[in-house]
Amino acid sequence: MNDDPAGKTHAYGSLYSINHAFQEIAEHLKRLEERQVLTPEFAEARRIALEELRAGINHGIAAHMLAAEQDDWAWFGKLRIAQEGK
C-alpha cells in the first residue's frame, strides 16, 4: 500500500465508521429491549449475530491491513537503510 498512503487512512477510517455503526445498532437494540419493544431473547440473539458479523468484518480488514502494514514496514525500512548508507 506504500504507493497509496491515503488508502490506509481511508481503510482505517472505514473500520472506525463500521464499528461505530455496529455500536449504534447494539445501543438501539438495548433501548428497544428496555422499552419492551423487543423481548430480551430476541434482542440478545440479534446482538450475538451483530457481534459475530462485526468480528468477521474486523478480522477481514485487520488481516488485509496486517499484510499491508508489513509490506510498508519492510519497504520503508529498506528506504531508510539505503538513505543512511549514502
N, C-alpha and C. Protein backbone atom coordinates (compact mmCIF):
# COMPACT_ATOMS: atom_id res chain seq x y z
N MET A 1 0.82 -1.20 0.00
CA MET A 1 0.00 0.00 0.00
C MET A 1 0.85 1.26 0.00
N ASN A 2 2.17 1.12 0.00
CA ASN A 2 3.00 2.31 0.12
C ASN A 2 2.85 3.26 -1.05
N ASP A 3 2.27 2.82 -2.15
CA ASP A 3 2.04 3.72 -3.28
C ASP A 3 0.74 4.51 -3.11
N ASP A 4 -0.01 4.25 -2.05
CA ASP A 4 -1.26 4.95 -1.79
C ASP A 4 -1.44 5.13 -0.29
N PRO A 5 -0.66 6.05 0.33
CA PRO A 5 -0.77 6.23 1.78
C PRO A 5 -2.16 6.64 2.23
N ALA A 6 -2.88 7.37 1.39
CA ALA A 6 -4.24 7.78 1.76
C ALA A 6 -5.16 6.57 1.83
N GLY A 7 -4.80 5.50 1.11
CA GLY A 7 -5.62 4.29 1.13
C GLY A 7 -5.71 3.69 2.53
N LYS A 8 -4.59 3.74 3.26
CA LYS A 8 -4.61 3.22 4.63
C LYS A 8 -5.49 4.09 5.52
N THR A 9 -5.40 5.40 5.33
CA THR A 9 -6.23 6.30 6.12
C THR A 9 -7.71 6.01 5.87
N HIS A 10 -8.05 5.81 4.61
CA HIS A 10 -9.45 5.51 4.28
C HIS A 10 -9.88 4.16 4.86
N ALA A 11 -9.00 3.17 4.78
CA ALA A 11 -9.33 1.84 5.31
C ALA A 11 -9.56 1.90 6.81
N TYR A 12 -8.65 2.55 7.52
CA TYR A 12 -8.81 2.66 8.98
C TYR A 12 -10.01 3.52 9.35
N GLY A 13 -10.27 4.56 8.56
CA GLY A 13 -11.46 5.39 8.78
C GLY A 13 -12.73 4.60 8.58
N SER A 14 -12.75 3.77 7.56
CA SER A 14 -13.92 2.92 7.31
C SER A 14 -14.10 1.91 8.43
N LEU A 15 -13.00 1.34 8.90
CA LEU A 15 -13.09 0.40 10.02
C LEU A 15 -13.70 1.07 11.24
N TYR A 16 -13.26 2.27 11.54
CA TYR A 16 -13.84 3.02 12.65
C TYR A 16 -15.34 3.25 12.44
N SER A 17 -15.69 3.72 11.24
CA SER A 17 -17.10 4.02 10.95
C SER A 17 -17.97 2.78 11.05
N ILE A 18 -17.48 1.66 10.55
CA ILE A 18 -18.23 0.41 10.62
C ILE A 18 -18.45 0.02 12.07
N ASN A 19 -17.40 0.08 12.88
CA ASN A 19 -17.53 -0.30 14.28
C ASN A 19 -18.44 0.66 15.04
N HIS A 20 -18.38 1.93 14.71
CA HIS A 20 -19.27 2.92 15.34
C HIS A 20 -20.72 2.59 14.99
N ALA A 21 -20.98 2.25 13.75
CA ALA A 21 -22.34 1.91 13.33
C ALA A 21 -22.84 0.65 14.05
N PHE A 22 -21.98 -0.35 14.18
CA PHE A 22 -22.37 -1.55 14.92
C PHE A 22 -22.71 -1.21 16.37
N GLN A 23 -21.92 -0.33 16.98
CA GLN A 23 -22.19 0.07 18.36
C GLN A 23 -23.53 0.79 18.47
N GLU A 24 -23.82 1.64 17.51
CA GLU A 24 -25.11 2.33 17.48
C GLU A 24 -26.27 1.33 17.41
N ILE A 25 -26.13 0.34 16.55
CA ILE A 25 -27.18 -0.68 16.43
C ILE A 25 -27.36 -1.42 17.75
N ALA A 26 -26.26 -1.80 18.38
CA ALA A 26 -26.33 -2.50 19.66
C ALA A 26 -27.05 -1.65 20.71
N GLU A 27 -26.75 -0.36 20.73
CA GLU A 27 -27.39 0.54 21.70
C GLU A 27 -28.89 0.67 21.42
N HIS A 28 -29.27 0.71 20.15
CA HIS A 28 -30.70 0.78 19.81
C HIS A 28 -31.42 -0.52 20.19
N LEU A 29 -30.77 -1.64 19.97
CA LEU A 29 -31.37 -2.91 20.40
C LEU A 29 -31.61 -2.90 21.90
N LYS A 30 -30.64 -2.40 22.67
CA LYS A 30 -30.78 -2.34 24.13
C LYS A 30 -31.93 -1.43 24.53
N ARG A 31 -32.03 -0.28 23.89
CA ARG A 31 -33.13 0.65 24.19
C ARG A 31 -34.48 0.02 23.88
N LEU A 32 -34.57 -0.64 22.76
CA LEU A 32 -35.83 -1.27 22.39
C LEU A 32 -36.18 -2.40 23.35
N GLU A 33 -35.16 -3.09 23.82
CA GLU A 33 -35.40 -4.14 24.82
C GLU A 33 -35.88 -3.52 26.13
N GLU A 34 -35.23 -2.44 26.56
CA GLU A 34 -35.62 -1.77 27.81
C GLU A 34 -37.04 -1.23 27.75
N ARG A 35 -37.47 -0.81 26.57
CA ARG A 35 -38.83 -0.29 26.39
C ARG A 35 -39.83 -1.41 26.09
N GLN A 36 -39.35 -2.63 26.14
CA GLN A 36 -40.16 -3.83 25.93
C GLN A 36 -40.78 -3.88 24.54
N VAL A 37 -40.09 -3.26 23.58
CA VAL A 37 -40.49 -3.38 22.18
C VAL A 37 -39.97 -4.70 21.63
N LEU A 38 -38.79 -5.09 22.10
CA LEU A 38 -38.20 -6.37 21.75
C LEU A 38 -38.10 -7.23 23.01
N THR A 39 -38.29 -8.52 22.85
CA THR A 39 -38.10 -9.40 24.00
C THR A 39 -36.60 -9.53 24.29
N PRO A 40 -36.24 -9.82 25.53
CA PRO A 40 -34.82 -10.00 25.84
C PRO A 40 -34.16 -11.09 24.99
N GLU A 41 -34.88 -12.17 24.75
CA GLU A 41 -34.33 -13.28 23.96
C GLU A 41 -34.07 -12.85 22.51
N PHE A 42 -35.03 -12.12 21.95
CA PHE A 42 -34.88 -11.66 20.57
C PHE A 42 -33.72 -10.67 20.46
N ALA A 43 -33.67 -9.72 21.39
CA ALA A 43 -32.61 -8.71 21.37
C ALA A 43 -31.24 -9.35 21.55
N GLU A 44 -31.13 -10.30 22.47
CA GLU A 44 -29.84 -10.96 22.72
C GLU A 44 -29.40 -11.77 21.50
N ALA A 45 -30.32 -12.44 20.86
CA ALA A 45 -29.99 -13.21 19.65
C ALA A 45 -29.47 -12.29 18.56
N ARG A 46 -30.09 -11.13 18.41
CA ARG A 46 -29.65 -10.17 17.40
C ARG A 46 -28.31 -9.55 17.77
N ARG A 47 -28.07 -9.30 19.06
CA ARG A 47 -26.77 -8.76 19.49
C ARG A 47 -25.65 -9.76 19.21
N ILE A 48 -25.92 -11.03 19.46
CA ILE A 48 -24.91 -12.06 19.19
C ILE A 48 -24.61 -12.12 17.69
N ALA A 49 -25.65 -12.10 16.86
CA ALA A 49 -25.45 -12.11 15.40
C ALA A 49 -24.71 -10.86 14.96
N LEU A 50 -25.05 -9.73 15.54
CA LEU A 50 -24.40 -8.47 15.23
C LEU A 50 -22.91 -8.52 15.56
N GLU A 51 -22.58 -9.02 16.74
CA GLU A 51 -21.18 -9.10 17.16
C GLU A 51 -20.39 -10.11 16.33
N GLU A 52 -21.06 -11.18 15.91
CA GLU A 52 -20.39 -12.15 15.03
C GLU A 52 -20.04 -11.48 13.70
N LEU A 53 -20.99 -10.75 13.15
CA LEU A 53 -20.76 -10.05 11.89
C LEU A 53 -19.66 -9.00 12.05
N ARG A 54 -19.72 -8.24 13.14
CA ARG A 54 -18.69 -7.23 13.39
C ARG A 54 -17.31 -7.87 13.47
N ALA A 55 -17.21 -8.96 14.22
CA ALA A 55 -15.92 -9.64 14.37
C ALA A 55 -15.40 -10.15 13.03
N GLY A 56 -16.29 -10.68 12.21
CA GLY A 56 -15.89 -11.18 10.90
C GLY A 56 -15.37 -10.07 10.00
N ILE A 57 -16.07 -8.94 10.00
CA ILE A 57 -15.62 -7.80 9.20
C ILE A 57 -14.29 -7.28 9.72
N ASN A 58 -14.20 -7.11 11.05
CA ASN A 58 -12.95 -6.63 11.65
C ASN A 58 -11.78 -7.56 11.32
N HIS A 59 -12.04 -8.84 11.39
CA HIS A 59 -10.99 -9.82 11.11
C HIS A 59 -10.51 -9.69 9.66
N GLY A 60 -11.45 -9.60 8.74
CA GLY A 60 -11.08 -9.49 7.33
C GLY A 60 -10.28 -8.23 7.05
N ILE A 61 -10.71 -7.11 7.61
CA ILE A 61 -9.98 -5.86 7.41
C ILE A 61 -8.62 -5.92 8.08
N ALA A 62 -8.58 -6.42 9.32
CA ALA A 62 -7.32 -6.49 10.06
C ALA A 62 -6.31 -7.39 9.35
N ALA A 63 -6.77 -8.51 8.81
CA ALA A 63 -5.87 -9.42 8.10
C ALA A 63 -5.28 -8.73 6.87
N HIS A 64 -6.12 -8.02 6.14
CA HIS A 64 -5.63 -7.29 4.97
C HIS A 64 -4.66 -6.20 5.39
N MET A 65 -5.00 -5.46 6.42
CA MET A 65 -4.15 -4.35 6.86
C MET A 65 -2.84 -4.85 7.44
N LEU A 66 -2.86 -6.01 8.09
CA LEU A 66 -1.61 -6.57 8.61
C LEU A 66 -0.62 -6.80 7.48
N ALA A 67 -1.11 -7.40 6.41
CA ALA A 67 -0.23 -7.65 5.27
C ALA A 67 0.27 -6.33 4.68
N ALA A 68 -0.60 -5.35 4.56
CA ALA A 68 -0.20 -4.05 4.00
C ALA A 68 0.80 -3.35 4.91
N GLU A 69 0.56 -3.41 6.21
CA GLU A 69 1.48 -2.77 7.16
C GLU A 69 2.85 -3.46 7.15
N GLN A 70 2.86 -4.77 7.06
CA GLN A 70 4.13 -5.50 7.00
C GLN A 70 4.90 -5.12 5.73
N ASP A 71 4.19 -5.03 4.61
CA ASP A 71 4.83 -4.63 3.36
C ASP A 71 5.41 -3.22 3.47
N ASP A 72 4.62 -2.31 4.04
CA ASP A 72 5.10 -0.93 4.21
C ASP A 72 6.30 -0.87 5.15
N TRP A 73 6.25 -1.60 6.23
CA TRP A 73 7.34 -1.61 7.20
C TRP A 73 8.64 -2.05 6.51
N ALA A 74 8.54 -3.14 5.75
CA ALA A 74 9.72 -3.63 5.03
C ALA A 74 10.19 -2.61 4.00
N TRP A 75 9.27 -2.06 3.23
CA TRP A 75 9.61 -1.10 2.17
C TRP A 75 10.32 0.14 2.76
N PHE A 76 9.70 0.73 3.79
CA PHE A 76 10.27 1.93 4.36
C PHE A 76 11.55 1.64 5.13
N GLY A 77 11.67 0.46 5.68
CA GLY A 77 12.92 0.05 6.31
C GLY A 77 14.05 0.00 5.30
N LYS A 78 13.77 -0.54 4.12
CA LYS A 78 14.77 -0.60 3.05
C LYS A 78 15.16 0.81 2.60
N LEU A 79 14.16 1.68 2.48
CA LEU A 79 14.45 3.06 2.09
C LEU A 79 15.33 3.76 3.12
N ARG A 80 15.02 3.57 4.40
CA ARG A 80 15.80 4.19 5.47
C ARG A 80 17.24 3.69 5.44
N ILE A 81 17.39 2.39 5.30
CA ILE A 81 18.74 1.80 5.27
C ILE A 81 19.53 2.32 4.07
N ALA A 82 18.87 2.43 2.91
CA ALA A 82 19.53 2.95 1.72
C ALA A 82 19.94 4.40 1.92
N GLN A 83 19.05 5.17 2.56
CA GLN A 83 19.36 6.59 2.79
C GLN A 83 20.51 6.75 3.79
N GLU A 84 20.53 5.94 4.81
CA GLU A 84 21.61 6.00 5.80
C GLU A 84 22.95 5.59 5.21
N GLY A 85 22.90 4.78 4.16
CA GLY A 85 24.12 4.31 3.52
C GLY A 85 24.74 5.34 2.59
N LYS A 86 24.06 6.43 2.34
CA LYS A 86 24.59 7.46 1.41
C LYS A 86 25.65 8.31 2.07
